[in-house]
Amino acid sequence: MLINLVTVSNGVNESEFGKILLSDVVVTSKRNLFWGRKWRNIDIQMGVGILAIHLLALVAPFKLAWDAFLFAFWTWVLCGICGVTLSYHRNLAHHSLKLPKWLEYTFAYLGVLSFQGSNLLGEHS
């Protein structure tokens, strides 16, 4: 016998906001992630940085230098693939790799150079 226990959550009816598909979770309030939120200093800095990167990308086809392109490609391979995917995710998060300490530290440093950010300063996403 199945009993639907999610019809009311915190006094909010399921029909008011809705239930998440294939889940027992009921959305009790809508969160506004863009308009009407309180923007912190780090939010504005990250937004300006991302906007600047995209504006510079519009200029790239007209100022293409193959040596700069190859430098960017290998930086992405080292920092993005080796630093984030291999070091942060596979090695530091899951411990699914066994690396010599010098290589583990090197890959972790490459991950730092990828500017992924952290929540160590009390920032919340």
PDB file of N, CA and C in Angstrom:
ATOM      1  N   MET A   1       0.839  -1.178   0.000  1.00  0.00           N
ATOM      2  CA  MET A   1       0.000   0.000   0.000  1.00  0.00           C
ATOM      3  C   MET A   1       0.880   1.235   0.000  1.00  0.00           C
ATOM      4  N   LEU A   2       0.730   2.100  -0.982  1.00  0.00           N
ATOM      5  CA  LEU A   2       1.510   3.323  -1.078  1.00  0.00           C
ATOM      6  C   LEU A   2       0.700   4.493  -0.552  1.00  0.00           C
ATOM      7  N   ILE A   3       1.331   5.258   0.302  1.00  0.00           N
ATOM      8  CA  ILE A   3       0.676   6.436   0.872  1.00  0.00           C
ATOM      9  C   ILE A   3       1.462   7.657   0.420  1.00  0.00           C
ATOM     10  N   ASN A   4       0.763   8.623  -0.114  1.00  0.00           N
ATOM     11  CA  ASN A   4       1.409   9.848  -0.555  1.00  0.00           C
ATOM     12  C   ASN A   4       1.579  10.767   0.647  1.00  0.00           C
ATOM     13  N   LEU A   5       2.831  10.877   1.143  1.00  0.00           N
ATOM     14  CA  LEU A   5       3.101  11.678   2.323  1.00  0.00           C
ATOM     15  C   LEU A   5       3.561  13.087   1.988  1.00  0.00           C
ATOM     16  N   VAL A   6       3.557  13.442   0.725  1.00  0.00           N
ATOM     17  CA  VAL A   6       4.113  14.731   0.341  1.00  0.00           C
ATOM     18  C   VAL A   6       3.061  15.715  -0.140  1.00  0.00           C
ATOM     19  N   THR A   7       1.834  15.533   0.253  1.00  0.00           N
ATOM     20  CA  THR A   7       0.797  16.445  -0.219  1.00  0.00           C
ATOM     21  C   THR A   7       0.924  17.818   0.418  1.00  0.00           C
ATOM     22  N   VAL A   8       1.381  17.882   1.661  1.00  0.00           N
ATOM     23  CA  VAL A   8       1.556  19.165   2.331  1.00  0.00           C
ATOM     24  C   VAL A   8       2.936  19.175   2.977  1.00  0.00           C
ATOM     25  N   SER A   9       3.704  20.220   2.699  1.00  0.00           N
ATOM     26  CA  SER A   9       5.023  20.383   3.306  1.00  0.00           C
ATOM     27  C   SER A   9       5.131  21.795   3.834  1.00  0.00           C
ATOM     28  N   ASN A  10       5.316  21.934   5.122  1.00  0.00           N
ATOM     29  CA  ASN A  10       5.399  23.238   5.774  1.00  0.00           C
ATOM     30  C   ASN A  10       4.159  24.085   5.497  1.00  0.00           C
ATOM     31  N   GLY A  11       3.031  23.465   5.432  1.00  0.00           N
ATOM     32  CA  GLY A  11       1.785  24.181   5.225  1.00  0.00           C
ATOM     33  C   GLY A  11       1.511  24.593   3.795  1.00  0.00           C
ATOM     34  N   VAL A  12       2.326  24.144   2.838  1.00  0.00           N
ATOM     35  CA  VAL A  12       2.146  24.505   1.436  1.00  0.00           C
ATOM     36  C   VAL A  12       1.606  23.298   0.686  1.00  0.00           C
ATOM     37  N   ASN A  13       0.508  23.488  -0.021  1.00  0.00           N
ATOM     38  CA  ASN A  13      -0.056  22.391  -0.798  1.00  0.00           C
ATOM     39  C   ASN A  13       0.831  22.058  -1.983  1.00  0.00           C
ATOM     40  N   GLU A  14       0.812  20.798  -2.383  1.00  0.00           N
ATOM     41  CA  GLU A  14       1.624  20.327  -3.512  1.00  0.00           C
ATOM     42  C   GLU A  14       1.252  21.047  -4.796  1.00  0.00           C
ATOM     43  N   SER A  15      -0.014  21.380  -4.955  1.00  0.00           N
ATOM     44  CA  SER A  15      -0.451  22.012  -6.192  1.00  0.00           C
ATOM     45  C   SER A  15       0.002  23.470  -6.298  1.00  0.00           C
ATOM     46  N   GLU A  16       0.392  24.075  -5.156  1.00  0.00           N
ATOM     47  CA  GLU A  16       0.773  25.482  -5.190  1.00  0.00           C
ATOM     48  C   GLU A  16       2.087  25.698  -5.960  1.00  0.00           C
ATOM     49  N   PHE A  17       3.094  24.865  -5.740  1.00  0.00           N
ATOM     50  CA  PHE A  17       4.349  25.006  -6.460  1.00  0.00           C
ATOM     51  C   PHE A  17       4.682  23.761  -7.271  1.00  0.00           C
ATOM     52  N   GLY A  18       4.330  22.611  -6.792  1.00  0.00           N
ATOM     53  CA  GLY A  18       4.539  21.404  -7.562  1.00  0.00           C
ATOM     54  C   GLY A  18       5.569  20.472  -6.966  1.00  0.00           C
ATOM     55  N   LYS A  19       5.475  19.241  -7.409  1.00  0.00           N
ATOM     56  CA  LYS A  19       6.384  18.197  -6.967  1.00  0.00           C
ATOM     57  C   LYS A  19       7.437  17.990  -8.044  1.00  0.00           C
ATOM     58  N   ILE A  20       8.671  17.740  -7.628  1.00  0.00           N
ATOM     59  CA  ILE A  20       9.745  17.480  -8.577  1.00  0.00           C
ATOM     60  C   ILE A  20       9.505  16.112  -9.209  1.00  0.00           C
ATOM     61  N   LEU A  21       9.616  16.051 -10.533  1.00  0.00           N
ATOM     62  CA  LEU A  21       9.344  14.843 -11.294  1.00  0.00           C
ATOM     63  C   LEU A  21      10.164  13.663 -10.787  1.00  0.00           C
ATOM     64  N   LEU A  22       9.531  12.517 -10.626  1.00  0.00           N
ATOM     65  CA  LEU A  22      10.144  11.268 -10.171  1.00  0.00           C
ATOM     66  C   LEU A  22      10.788  11.393  -8.798  1.00  0.00           C
ATOM     67  N   SER A  23      10.207  12.207  -7.931  1.00  0.00           N
ATOM     68  CA  SER A  23      10.763  12.420  -6.604  1.00  0.00           C
ATOM     69  C   SER A  23       9.637  12.660  -5.620  1.00  0.00           C
ATOM     70  N   ASP A  24       9.958  12.536  -4.347  1.00  0.00           N
ATOM     71  CA  ASP A  24       8.997  12.863  -3.305  1.00  0.00           C
ATOM     72  C   ASP A  24       9.201  14.278  -2.771  1.00  0.00           C
ATOM     73  N   VAL A  25      10.053  15.049  -3.409  1.00  0.00           N
ATOM     74  CA  VAL A  25      10.375  16.395  -2.957  1.00  0.00           C
ATOM     75  C   VAL A  25       9.352  17.376  -3.507  1.00  0.00           C
ATOM     76  N   VAL A  26       8.841  18.226  -2.615  1.00  0.00           N
ATOM     77  CA  VAL A  26       7.875  19.251  -2.998  1.00  0.00           C
ATOM     78  C   VAL A  26       8.579  20.601  -2.943  1.00  0.00           C
ATOM     79  N   VAL A  27       8.449  21.380  -3.995  1.00  0.00           N
ATOM     80  CA  VAL A  27       9.010  22.722  -4.020  1.00  0.00           C
ATOM     81  C   VAL A  27       8.070  23.625  -3.243  1.00  0.00           C
ATOM     82  N   THR A  28       8.573  24.184  -2.133  1.00  0.00           N
ATOM     83  CA  THR A  28       7.702  24.994  -1.274  1.00  0.00           C
ATOM     84  C   THR A  28       7.821  26.482  -1.543  1.00  0.00           C
ATOM     85  N   SER A  29       8.904  26.893  -2.170  1.00  0.00           N
ATOM     86  CA  SER A  29       9.031  28.307  -2.528  1.00  0.00           C
ATOM     87  C   SER A  29       9.940  28.422  -3.737  1.00  0.00           C
ATOM     88  N   LYS A  30       9.679  29.442  -4.528  1.00  0.00           N
ATOM     89  CA  LYS A  30      10.508  29.667  -5.702  1.00  0.00           C
ATOM     90  C   LYS A  30      11.683  30.535  -5.299  1.00  0.00           C
ATOM     91  N   ARG A  31      12.876  30.145  -5.774  1.00  0.00           N
ATOM     92  CA  ARG A  31      14.091  30.892  -5.484  1.00  0.00           C
ATOM     93  C   ARG A  31      14.472  31.700  -6.697  1.00  0.00           C
ATOM     94  N   ASN A  32      14.676  32.964  -6.502  1.00  0.00           N
ATOM     95  CA  ASN A  32      15.078  33.817  -7.605  1.00  0.00           C
ATOM     96  C   ASN A  32      16.598  33.903  -7.609  1.00  0.00           C
ATOM     97  N   LEU A  33      17.234  33.301  -8.607  1.00  0.00           N
ATOM     98  CA  LEU A  33      18.680  33.243  -8.643  1.00  0.00           C
ATOM     99  C   LEU A  33      19.320  34.410  -9.380  1.00  0.00           C
ATOM    100  N   PHE A  34      18.537  35.221 -10.060  1.00  0.00           N
ATOM    101  CA  PHE A  34      19.132  36.319 -10.803  1.00  0.00           C
ATOM    102  C   PHE A  34      18.547  37.659 -10.393  1.00  0.00           C
ATOM    103  N   TRP A  35      17.312  37.939 -10.789  1.00  0.00           N
ATOM    104  CA  TRP A  35      16.690  39.227 -10.474  1.00  0.00           C
ATOM    105  C   TRP A  35      16.168  39.219  -9.054  1.00  0.00           C
ATOM    106  N   GLY A  36      16.312  40.322  -8.365  1.00  0.00           N
ATOM    107  CA  GLY A  36      15.741  40.471  -7.041  1.00  0.00           C
ATOM    108  C   GLY A  36      16.547  39.829  -5.927  1.00  0.00           C
ATOM    109  N   ARG A  37      17.747  39.339  -6.206  1.00  0.00           N
ATOM    110  CA  ARG A  37      18.557  38.747  -5.154  1.00  0.00           C
ATOM    111  C   ARG A  37      19.557  39.761  -4.649  1.00  0.00           C
ATOM    112  N   LYS A  38      20.166  39.474  -3.518  1.00  0.00           N
ATOM    113  CA  LYS A  38      21.196  40.358  -2.983  1.00  0.00           C
ATOM    114  C   LYS A  38      22.531  39.957  -3.603  1.00  0.00           C
ATOM    115  N   TRP A  39      23.119  40.844  -4.395  1.00  0.00           N
ATOM    116  CA  TRP A  39      24.384  40.572  -5.073  1.00  0.00           C
ATOM    117  C   TRP A  39      25.532  40.912  -4.146  1.00  0.00           C
ATOM    118  N   ARG A  40      26.401  39.930  -3.936  1.00  0.00           N
ATOM    119  CA  ARG A  40      27.590  40.150  -3.119  1.00  0.00           C
ATOM    120  C   ARG A  40      28.724  40.657  -4.005  1.00  0.00           C
ATOM    121  N   ASN A  41      29.777  41.140  -3.402  1.00  0.00           N
ATOM    122  CA  ASN A  41      30.918  41.663  -4.128  1.00  0.00           C
ATOM    123  C   ASN A  41      31.542  40.578  -5.019  1.00  0.00           C
ATOM    124  N   ILE A  42      31.664  39.375  -4.514  1.00  0.00           N
ATOM    125  CA  ILE A  42      32.267  38.286  -5.291  1.00  0.00           C
ATOM    126  C   ILE A  42      31.391  37.931  -6.496  1.00  0.00           C
ATOM    127  N   ASP A  43      30.068  38.050  -6.361  1.00  0.00           N
ATOM    128  CA  ASP A  43      29.169  37.788  -7.492  1.00  0.00           C
ATOM    129  C   ASP A  43      29.427  38.777  -8.623  1.00  0.00           C
ATOM    130  N   ILE A  44      29.582  40.036  -8.273  1.00  0.00           N
ATOM    131  CA  ILE A  44      29.819  41.073  -9.283  1.00  0.00           C
ATOM    132  C   ILE A  44      31.185  40.884  -9.926  1.00  0.00           C
ATOM    133  N   GLN A  45      32.208  40.576  -9.125  1.00  0.00           N
ATOM    134  CA  GLN A  45      33.551  40.356  -9.663  1.00  0.00           C
ATOM    135  C   GLN A  45      33.566  39.181 -10.632  1.00  0.00           C
ATOM    136  N   MET A  46      32.930  38.087 -10.267  1.00  0.00           N
ATOM    137  CA  MET A  46      32.897  36.909 -11.140  1.00  0.00           C
ATOM    138  C   MET A  46      32.108  37.211 -12.410  1.00  0.00           C
ATOM    139  N   GLY A  47      31.014  37.924 -12.290  1.00  0.00           N
ATOM    140  CA  GLY A  47      30.217  38.283 -13.466  1.00  0.00           C
ATOM    141  C   GLY A  47      30.981  39.160 -14.438  1.00  0.00           C
ATOM    142  N   VAL A  48      31.704  40.148 -13.906  1.00  0.00           N
ATOM    143  CA  VAL A  48      32.508  41.028 -14.767  1.00  0.00           C
ATOM    144  C   VAL A  48      33.627  40.231 -15.433  1.00  0.00           C
ATOM    145  N   GLY A  49      34.257  39.327 -14.690  1.00  0.00           N
ATOM    146  CA  GLY A  49      35.316  38.496 -15.256  1.00  0.00           C
ATOM    147  C   GLY A  49      34.818  37.597 -16.372  1.00  0.00           C
ATOM    148  N   ILE A  50      33.688  36.964 -16.164  1.00  0.00           N
ATOM    149  CA  ILE A  50      33.111  36.074 -17.187  1.00  0.00           C
ATOM    150  C   ILE A  50      32.684  36.884 -18.406  1.00  0.00           C
ATOM    151  N   LEU A  51      32.086  38.051 -18.191  1.00  0.00           N
ATOM    152  CA  LEU A  51      31.699  38.913 -19.304  1.00  0.00           C
ATOM    153  C   LEU A  51      32.925  39.367 -20.098  1.00  0.00           C
ATOM    154  N   ALA A  52      34.007  39.718 -19.408  1.00  0.00           N
ATOM    155  CA  ALA A  52      35.225  40.159 -20.089  1.00  0.00           C
ATOM    156  C   ALA A  52      35.820  39.043 -20.939  1.00  0.00           C
ATOM    157  N   ILE A  53      35.836  37.837 -20.429  1.00  0.00           N
ATOM    158  CA  ILE A  53      36.363  36.697 -21.196  1.00  0.00           C
ATOM    159  C   ILE A  53      35.562  36.505 -22.478  1.00  0.00           C
ATOM    160  N   HIS A  54      34.238  36.596 -22.379  1.00  0.00           N
ATOM    161  CA  HIS A  54      33.399  36.400 -23.562  1.00  0.00           C
ATOM    162  C   HIS A  54      33.532  37.549 -24.566  1.00  0.00           C
ATOM    163  N   LEU A  55      33.696  38.765 -24.086  1.00  0.00           N
ATOM    164  CA  LEU A  55      33.911  39.885 -25.001  1.00  0.00           C
ATOM    165  C   LEU A  55      35.254  39.762 -25.706  1.00  0.00           C
ATOM    166  N   LEU A  56      36.270  39.322 -24.986  1.00  0.00           N
ATOM    167  CA  LEU A  56      37.575  39.102 -25.612  1.00  0.00           C
ATOM    168  C   LEU A  56      37.526  37.953 -26.622  1.00  0.00           C
ATOM    169  N   ALA A  57      36.673  36.979 -26.372  1.00  0.00           N
ATOM    170  CA  ALA A  57      36.542  35.865 -27.310  1.00  0.00           C
ATOM    171  C   ALA A  57      35.973  36.322 -28.651  1.00  0.00           C
ATOM    172  N   LEU A  58      35.200  37.406 -28.655  1.00  0.00           N
ATOM    173  CA  LEU A  58      34.682  37.939 -29.911  1.00  0.00           C
ATOM    174  C   LEU A  58      35.791  38.546 -30.769  1.00  0.00           C
ATOM    175  N   VAL A  59      36.861  39.007 -30.129  1.00  0.00           N
ATOM    176  CA  VAL A  59      37.990  39.608 -30.842  1.00  0.00           C
ATOM    177  C   VAL A  59      38.958  38.534 -31.340  1.00  0.00           C
ATOM    178  N   ALA A  60      38.955  37.387 -30.737  1.00  0.00           N
ATOM    179  CA  ALA A  60      39.943  36.332 -31.004  1.00  0.00           C
ATOM    180  C   ALA A  60      40.077  35.943 -32.479  1.00  0.00           C
ATOM    181  N   PRO A  61      38.996  35.755 -33.230  1.00  0.00           N
ATOM    182  CA  PRO A  61      39.188  35.347 -34.630  1.00  0.00           C
ATOM    183  C   PRO A  61      39.972  36.356 -35.470  1.00  0.00           C
ATOM    184  N   PHE A  62      39.934  37.615 -35.081  1.00  0.00           N
ATOM    185  CA  PHE A  62      40.629  38.648 -35.845  1.00  0.00           C
ATOM    186  C   PHE A  62      42.084  38.835 -35.419  1.00  0.00           C
ATOM    187  N   LYS A  63      42.429  38.315 -34.262  1.00  0.00           N
ATOM    188  CA  LYS A  63      43.774  38.476 -33.720  1.00  0.00           C
ATOM    189  C   LYS A  63      44.420  37.120 -33.426  1.00  0.00           C
ATOM    190  N   LEU A  64      44.053  36.095 -34.180  1.00  0.00           N
ATOM    191  CA  LEU A  64      44.517  34.738 -33.905  1.00  0.00           C
ATOM    192  C   LEU A  64      46.016  34.609 -34.160  1.00  0.00           C
ATOM    193  N   ALA A  65      46.712  34.134 -33.155  1.00  0.00           N
ATOM    194  CA  ALA A  65      48.125  33.788 -33.282  1.00  0.00           C
ATOM    195  C   ALA A  65      48.245  32.333 -32.865  1.00  0.00           C
ATOM    196  N   TRP A  66      48.805  31.516 -33.713  1.00  0.00           N
ATOM    197  CA  TRP A  66      48.826  30.085 -33.449  1.00  0.00           C
ATOM    198  C   TRP A  66      49.640  29.725 -32.223  1.00  0.00           C
ATOM    199  N   ASP A  67      50.705  30.471 -31.931  1.00  0.00           N
ATOM    200  CA  ASP A  67      51.475  30.159 -30.727  1.00  0.00           C
ATOM    201  C   ASP A  67      50.657  30.442 -29.462  1.00  0.00           C
ATOM    202  N   ALA A  68      49.842  31.503 -29.480  1.00  0.00           N
ATOM    203  CA  ALA A  68      48.967  31.798 -28.348  1.00  0.00           C
ATOM    204  C   ALA A  68      47.867  30.748 -28.228  1.00  0.00           C
ATOM    205  N   PHE A  69      47.340  30.299 -29.377  1.00  0.00           N
ATOM    206  CA  PHE A  69      46.320  29.262 -29.352  1.00  0.00           C
ATOM    207  C   PHE A  69      46.880  27.972 -28.759  1.00  0.00           C
ATOM    208  N   LEU A  70      48.073  27.573 -29.176  1.00  0.00           N
ATOM    209  CA  LEU A  70      48.686  26.352 -28.642  1.00  0.00           C
ATOM    210  C   LEU A  70      48.995  26.487 -27.150  1.00  0.00           C
ATOM    211  N   PHE A  71      49.426  27.674 -26.724  1.00  0.00           N
ATOM    212  CA  PHE A  71      49.651  27.901 -25.299  1.00  0.00           C
ATOM    213  C   PHE A  71      48.345  27.741 -24.516  1.00  0.00           C
ATOM    214  N   ALA A  72      47.262  28.323 -25.015  1.00  0.00           N
ATOM    215  CA  ALA A  72      45.961  28.210 -24.345  1.00  0.00           C
ATOM    216  C   ALA A  72      45.481  26.762 -24.320  1.00  0.00           C
ATOM    217  N   PHE A  73      45.697  26.041 -25.424  1.00  0.00           N
ATOM    218  CA  PHE A  73      45.283  24.640 -25.476  1.00  0.00           C
ATOM    219  C   PHE A  73      46.029  23.805 -24.446  1.00  0.00           C
ATOM    220  N   TRP A  74      47.351  23.960 -24.372  1.00  0.00           N
ATOM    221  CA  TRP A  74      48.125  23.156 -23.415  1.00  0.00           C
ATOM    222  C   TRP A  74      47.878  23.595 -21.976  1.00  0.00           C
ATOM    223  N   THR A  75      47.572  24.857 -21.766  1.00  0.00           N
ATOM    224  CA  THR A  75      47.185  25.298 -20.426  1.00  0.00           C
ATOM    225  C   THR A  75      45.882  24.642 -20.013  1.00  0.00           C
ATOM    226  N   TRP A  76      44.947  24.534 -20.952  1.00  0.00           N
ATOM    227  CA  TRP A  76      43.681  23.865 -20.662  1.00  0.00           C
ATOM    228  C   TRP A  76      43.914  22.386 -20.356  1.00  0.00           C
ATOM    229  N   VAL A  77      44.760  21.735 -21.125  1.00  0.00           N
ATOM    230  CA  VAL A  77      45.045  20.318 -20.877  1.00  0.00           C
ATOM    231  C   VAL A  77      45.663  20.138 -19.495  1.00  0.00           C
ATOM    232  N   LEU A  78      46.679  20.934 -19.181  1.00  0.00           N
ATOM    233  CA  LEU A  78      47.363  20.766 -17.896  1.00  0.00           C
ATOM    234  C   LEU A  78      46.489  21.163 -16.712  1.00  0.00           C
ATOM    235  N   CYS A  79      45.900  22.362 -16.773  1.00  0.00           N
ATOM    236  CA  CYS A  79      45.121  22.848 -15.627  1.00  0.00           C
ATOM    237  C   CYS A  79      43.731  22.231 -15.554  1.00  0.00           C
ATOM    238  N   GLY A  80      43.051  22.148 -16.692  1.00  0.00           N
ATOM    239  CA  GLY A  80      41.680  21.635 -16.691  1.00  0.00           C
ATOM    240  C   GLY A  80      41.604  20.132 -16.585  1.00  0.00           C
ATOM    241  N   ILE A  81      42.350  19.440 -17.447  1.00  0.00           N
ATOM    242  CA  ILE A  81      42.269  17.979 -17.458  1.00  0.00           C
ATOM    243  C   ILE A  81      43.073  17.376 -16.313  1.00  0.00           C
ATOM    244  N   CYS A  82      44.357  17.723 -16.233  1.00  0.00           N
ATOM    245  CA  CYS A  82      45.211  17.134 -15.194  1.00  0.00           C
ATOM    246  C   CYS A  82      44.899  17.723 -13.822  1.00  0.00           C
ATOM    247  N   GLY A  83      44.696  19.042 -13.758  1.00  0.00           N
ATOM    248  CA  GLY A  83      44.483  19.689 -12.471  1.00  0.00           C
ATOM    249  C   GLY A  83      43.124  19.437 -11.865  1.00  0.00           C
ATOM    250  N   VAL A  84      42.076  19.702 -12.632  1.00  0.00           N
ATOM    251  CA  VAL A  84      40.724  19.596 -12.070  1.00  0.00           C
ATOM    252  C   VAL A  84      40.197  18.168 -12.155  1.00  0.00           C
ATOM    253  N   THR A  85      40.142  17.617 -13.355  1.00  0.00           N
ATOM    254  CA  THR A  85      39.533  16.299 -13.530  1.00  0.00           C
ATOM    255  C   THR A  85      40.342  15.202 -12.858  1.00  0.00           C
ATOM    256  N   LEU A  86      41.620  15.148 -13.162  1.00  0.00           N
ATOM    257  CA  LEU A  86      42.442  14.063 -12.638  1.00  0.00           C
ATOM    258  C   LEU A  86      42.769  14.274 -11.162  1.00  0.00           C
ATOM    259  N   SER A  87      43.254  15.479 -10.806  1.00  0.00           N
ATOM    260  CA  SER A  87      43.702  15.696  -9.429  1.00  0.00           C
ATOM    261  C   SER A  87      42.538  15.940  -8.476  1.00  0.00           C
ATOM    262  N   TYR A  88      41.775  17.009  -8.702  1.00  0.00           N
ATOM    263  CA  TYR A  88      40.706  17.351  -7.758  1.00  0.00           C
ATOM    264  C   TYR A  88      39.646  16.254  -7.691  1.00  0.00           C
ATOM    265  N   HIS A  89      39.167  15.840  -8.853  1.00  0.00           N
ATOM    266  CA  HIS A  89      38.046  14.903  -8.852  1.00  0.00           C
ATOM    267  C   HIS A  89      38.482  13.474  -8.559  1.00  0.00           C
ATOM    268  N   ARG A  90      39.346  12.938  -9.388  1.00  0.00           N
ATOM    269  CA  ARG A  90      39.712  11.527  -9.240  1.00  0.00           C
ATOM    270  C   ARG A  90      40.590  11.252  -8.034  1.00  0.00           C
ATOM    271  N   ASN A  91      41.598  12.085  -7.829  1.00  0.00           N
ATOM    272  CA  ASN A  91      42.570  11.782  -6.789  1.00  0.00           C
ATOM    273  C   ASN A  91      42.151  12.318  -5.421  1.00  0.00           C
ATOM    274  N   LEU A  92      41.843  13.590  -5.317  1.00  0.00           N
ATOM    275  CA  LEU A  92      41.568  14.189  -4.017  1.00  0.00           C
ATOM    276  C   LEU A  92      40.146  13.920  -3.514  1.00  0.00           C
ATOM    277  N   ALA A  93      39.177  13.854  -4.396  1.00  0.00           N
ATOM    278  CA  ALA A  93      37.798  13.622  -3.952  1.00  0.00           C
ATOM    279  C   ALA A  93      37.501  12.144  -3.735  1.00  0.00           C
ATOM    280  N   HIS A  94      37.897  11.295  -4.687  1.00  0.00           N
ATOM    281  CA  HIS A  94      37.536   9.872  -4.611  1.00  0.00           C
ATOM    282  C   HIS A  94      38.679   8.964  -4.202  1.00  0.00           C
ATOM    283  N   HIS A  95      39.895   9.461  -4.217  1.00  0.00           N
ATOM    284  CA  HIS A  95      41.087   8.633  -3.932  1.00  0.00           C
ATOM    285  C   HIS A  95      41.138   7.419  -4.836  1.00  0.00           C
ATOM    286  N   SER A  96      40.780   7.604  -6.100  1.00  0.00           N
ATOM    287  CA  SER A  96      40.756   6.485  -7.034  1.00  0.00           C
ATOM    288  C   SER A  96      42.084   6.313  -7.770  1.00  0.00           C
ATOM    289  N   LEU A  97      43.049   7.185  -7.501  1.00  0.00           N
ATOM    290  CA  LEU A  97      44.376   7.062  -8.092  1.00  0.00           C
ATOM    291  C   LEU A  97      45.409   6.950  -6.991  1.00  0.00           C
ATOM    292  N   LYS A  98      46.460   6.230  -7.262  1.00  0.00           N
ATOM    293  CA  LYS A  98      47.592   6.190  -6.353  1.00  0.00           C
ATOM    294  C   LYS A  98      48.771   6.801  -7.085  1.00  0.00           C
ATOM    295  N   LEU A  99      49.137   8.023  -6.718  1.00  0.00           N
ATOM    296  CA  LEU A  99      50.206   8.758  -7.381  1.00  0.00           C
ATOM    297  C   LEU A  99      51.351   8.985  -6.403  1.00  0.00           C
ATOM    298  N   PRO A 100      52.575   9.106  -6.925  1.00  0.00           N
ATOM    299  CA  PRO A 100      53.665   9.546  -6.056  1.00  0.00           C
ATOM    300  C   PRO A 100      53.350  10.940  -5.519  1.00  0.00           C
ATOM    301  N   LYS A 101      53.818  11.249  -4.319  1.00  0.00           N
ATOM    302  CA  LYS A 101      53.470  12.532  -3.686  1.00  0.00           C
ATOM    303  C   LYS A 101      53.865  13.729  -4.540  1.00  0.00           C
ATOM    304  N   TRP A 102      55.017  13.689  -5.190  1.00  0.00           N
ATOM    305  CA  TRP A 102      55.449  14.828  -5.996  1.00  0.00           C
ATOM    306  C   TRP A 102      54.490  15.078  -7.157  1.00  0.00           C
ATOM    307  N   LEU A 103      53.971  13.997  -7.757  1.00  0.00           N
ATOM    308  CA  LEU A 103      53.035  14.140  -8.866  1.00  0.00           C
ATOM    309  C   LEU A 103      51.657  14.580  -8.362  1.00  0.00           C
ATOM    310  N   GLU A 104      51.247  14.056  -7.198  1.00  0.00           N
ATOM    311  CA  GLU A 104      49.979  14.475  -6.602  1.00  0.00           C
ATOM    312  C   GLU A 104      50.003  15.974  -6.294  1.00  0.00           C
ATOM    313  N   TYR A 105      51.089  16.470  -5.731  1.00  0.00           N
ATOM    314  CA  TYR A 105      51.205  17.886  -5.422  1.00  0.00           C
ATOM    315  C   TYR A 105      51.276  18.731  -6.690  1.00  0.00           C
ATOM    316  N   THR A 106      51.972  18.231  -7.703  1.00  0.00           N
ATOM    317  CA  THR A 106      52.067  18.955  -8.963  1.00  0.00           C
ATOM    318  C   THR A 106      50.689  19.090  -9.612  1.00  0.00           C
ATOM    319  N   PHE A 107      49.933  17.990  -9.665  1.00  0.00           N
ATOM    320  CA  PHE A 107      48.597  18.040 -10.250  1.00  0.00           C
ATOM    321  C   PHE A 107      47.662  18.921  -9.419  1.00  0.00           C
ATOM    322  N   ALA A 108      47.773  18.887  -8.093  1.00  0.00           N
ATOM    323  CA  ALA A 108      46.938  19.737  -7.241  1.00  0.00           C
ATOM    324  C   ALA A 108      47.263  21.210  -7.486  1.00  0.00           C
ATOM    325  N   TYR A 109      48.539  21.533  -7.676  1.00  0.00           N
ATOM    326  CA  TYR A 109      48.924  22.908  -7.977  1.00  0.00           C
ATOM    327  C   TYR A 109      48.373  23.342  -9.332  1.00  0.00           C
ATOM    328  N   LEU A 110      48.384  22.444 -10.313  1.00  0.00           N
ATOM    329  CA  LEU A 110      47.793  22.758 -11.614  1.00  0.00           C
ATOM    330  C   LEU A 110      46.292  23.025 -11.466  1.00  0.00           C
ATOM    331  N   GLY A 111      45.641  22.300 -10.553  1.00  0.00           N
ATOM    332  CA  GLY A 111      44.227  22.554 -10.282  1.00  0.00           C
ATOM    333  C   GLY A 111      44.000  23.932  -9.689  1.00  0.00           C
ATOM    334  N   VAL A 112      44.921  24.370  -8.830  1.00  0.00           N
ATOM    335  CA  VAL A 112      44.827  25.713  -8.252  1.00  0.00           C
ATOM    336  C   VAL A 112      44.929  26.770  -9.351  1.00  0.00           C
ATOM    337  N   LEU A 113      45.780  26.522 -10.348  1.00  0.00           N
ATOM    338  CA  LEU A 113      45.968  27.477 -11.434  1.00  0.00           C
ATOM    339  C   LEU A 113      44.762  27.578 -12.364  1.00  0.00           C
ATOM    340  N   SER A 114      43.798  26.669 -12.226  1.00  0.00           N
ATOM    341  CA  SER A 114      42.613  26.708 -13.089  1.00  0.00           C
ATOM    342  C   SER A 114      41.552  27.677 -12.581  1.00  0.00           C
ATOM    343  N   PHE A 115      41.770  28.301 -11.418  1.00  0.00           N
ATOM    344  CA  PHE A 115      40.862  29.309 -10.858  1.00  0.00           C
ATOM    345  C   PHE A 115      39.433  28.786 -10.702  1.00  0.00           C
ATOM    346  N   GLN A 116      39.271  27.620 -10.100  1.00  0.00           N
ATOM    347  CA  GLN A 116      37.952  27.047  -9.894  1.00  0.00           C
ATOM    348  C   GLN A 116      37.225  27.646  -8.703  1.00  0.00           C
ATOM    349  N   GLY A 117      37.925  28.338  -7.817  1.00  0.00           N
ATOM    350  CA  GLY A 117      37.296  28.933  -6.659  1.00  0.00           C
ATOM    351  C   GLY A 117      37.167  27.939  -5.525  1.00  0.00           C
ATOM    352  N   SER A 118      36.713  28.427  -4.375  1.00  0.00           N
ATOM    353  CA  SER A 118      36.526  27.541  -3.225  1.00  0.00           C
ATOM    354  C   SER A 118      35.464  28.146  -2.325  1.00  0.00           C
ATOM    355  N   ASN A 119      34.993  27.344  -1.404  1.00  0.00           N
ATOM    356  CA  ASN A 119      34.049  27.820  -0.398  1.00  0.00           C
ATOM    357  C   ASN A 119      34.737  27.942   0.953  1.00  0.00           C
ATOM    358  N   LEU A 120      36.065  28.035   0.963  1.00  0.00           N
ATOM    359  CA  LEU A 120      36.805  28.133   2.207  1.00  0.00           C
ATOM    360  C   LEU A 120      36.628  29.487   2.871  1.00  0.00           C
ATOM    361  N   LEU A 121      36.233  30.494   2.127  1.00  0.00           N
ATOM    362  CA  LEU A 121      36.077  31.834   2.673  1.00  0.00           C
ATOM    363  C   LEU A 121      34.647  32.117   3.120  1.00  0.00           C
ATOM    364  N   GLY A 122      33.855  31.082   3.257  1.00  0.00           N
ATOM    365  CA  GLY A 122      32.480  31.260   3.695  1.00  0.00           C
ATOM    366  C   GLY A 122      31.526  31.626   2.591  1.00  0.00           C
ATOM    367  N   GLU A 123      31.954  31.485   1.335  1.00  0.00           N
ATOM    368  CA  GLU A 123      31.067  31.785   0.218  1.00  0.00           C
ATOM    369  C   GLU A 123      30.107  30.621   0.032  1.00  0.00           C
ATOM    370  N   HIS A 124      28.878  30.940  -0.277  1.00  0.00           N
ATOM    371  CA  HIS A 124      27.879  29.896  -0.511  1.00  0.00           C
ATOM    372  C   HIS A 124      27.316  30.057  -1.901  1.00  0.00           C
ATOM    373  N   SER A 125      27.155  28.925  -2.589  1.00  0.00           N
ATOM    374  CA  SER A 125      26.598  29.010  -3.943  1.00  0.00           C
ATOM    375  C   SER A 125      25.102  28.912  -3.918  1.00  0.00           C
TER     376      SER A 125
END
